[in-house]
């Protein structure tokens, strides 16, 4: 499929900052950011204002994606376009495409994501 072709040709990273910088390059070589954590934590019942943003904001916010991962993904992959037109894939491991992740590339872990509030993100205040 098309996503498999993009991943096969991609530069693969597991660091959000590297993905943000790389996404700004004017190239047609896709960039794949791999992450491995529960990306779509829903607010627990009754949490209301105390609910923190889900971990997926770590990878979604820099690319202006909605914070709920399962909206718009294709088998665990979100496809966006960098500022210079570069294809960027945000890949939730494990997925059907794991065989295309380079050996030795450890996906971004939740612990490596900064803790943020909705206010930090400019969504409330």
Foldseek 3Di string as FASTA:
>chain_A
DVVLVLLLQADEAQDQVCLLVVLQDQDQREYEHEAEDPQADDDDPPCPQVDFQGLVCLNCVSQVHDSGQVVQADQQWHWGHGPNGYIYIYGYPPGPNVVSPDPPHDHHYSVNGDGDGCVNSVNDD
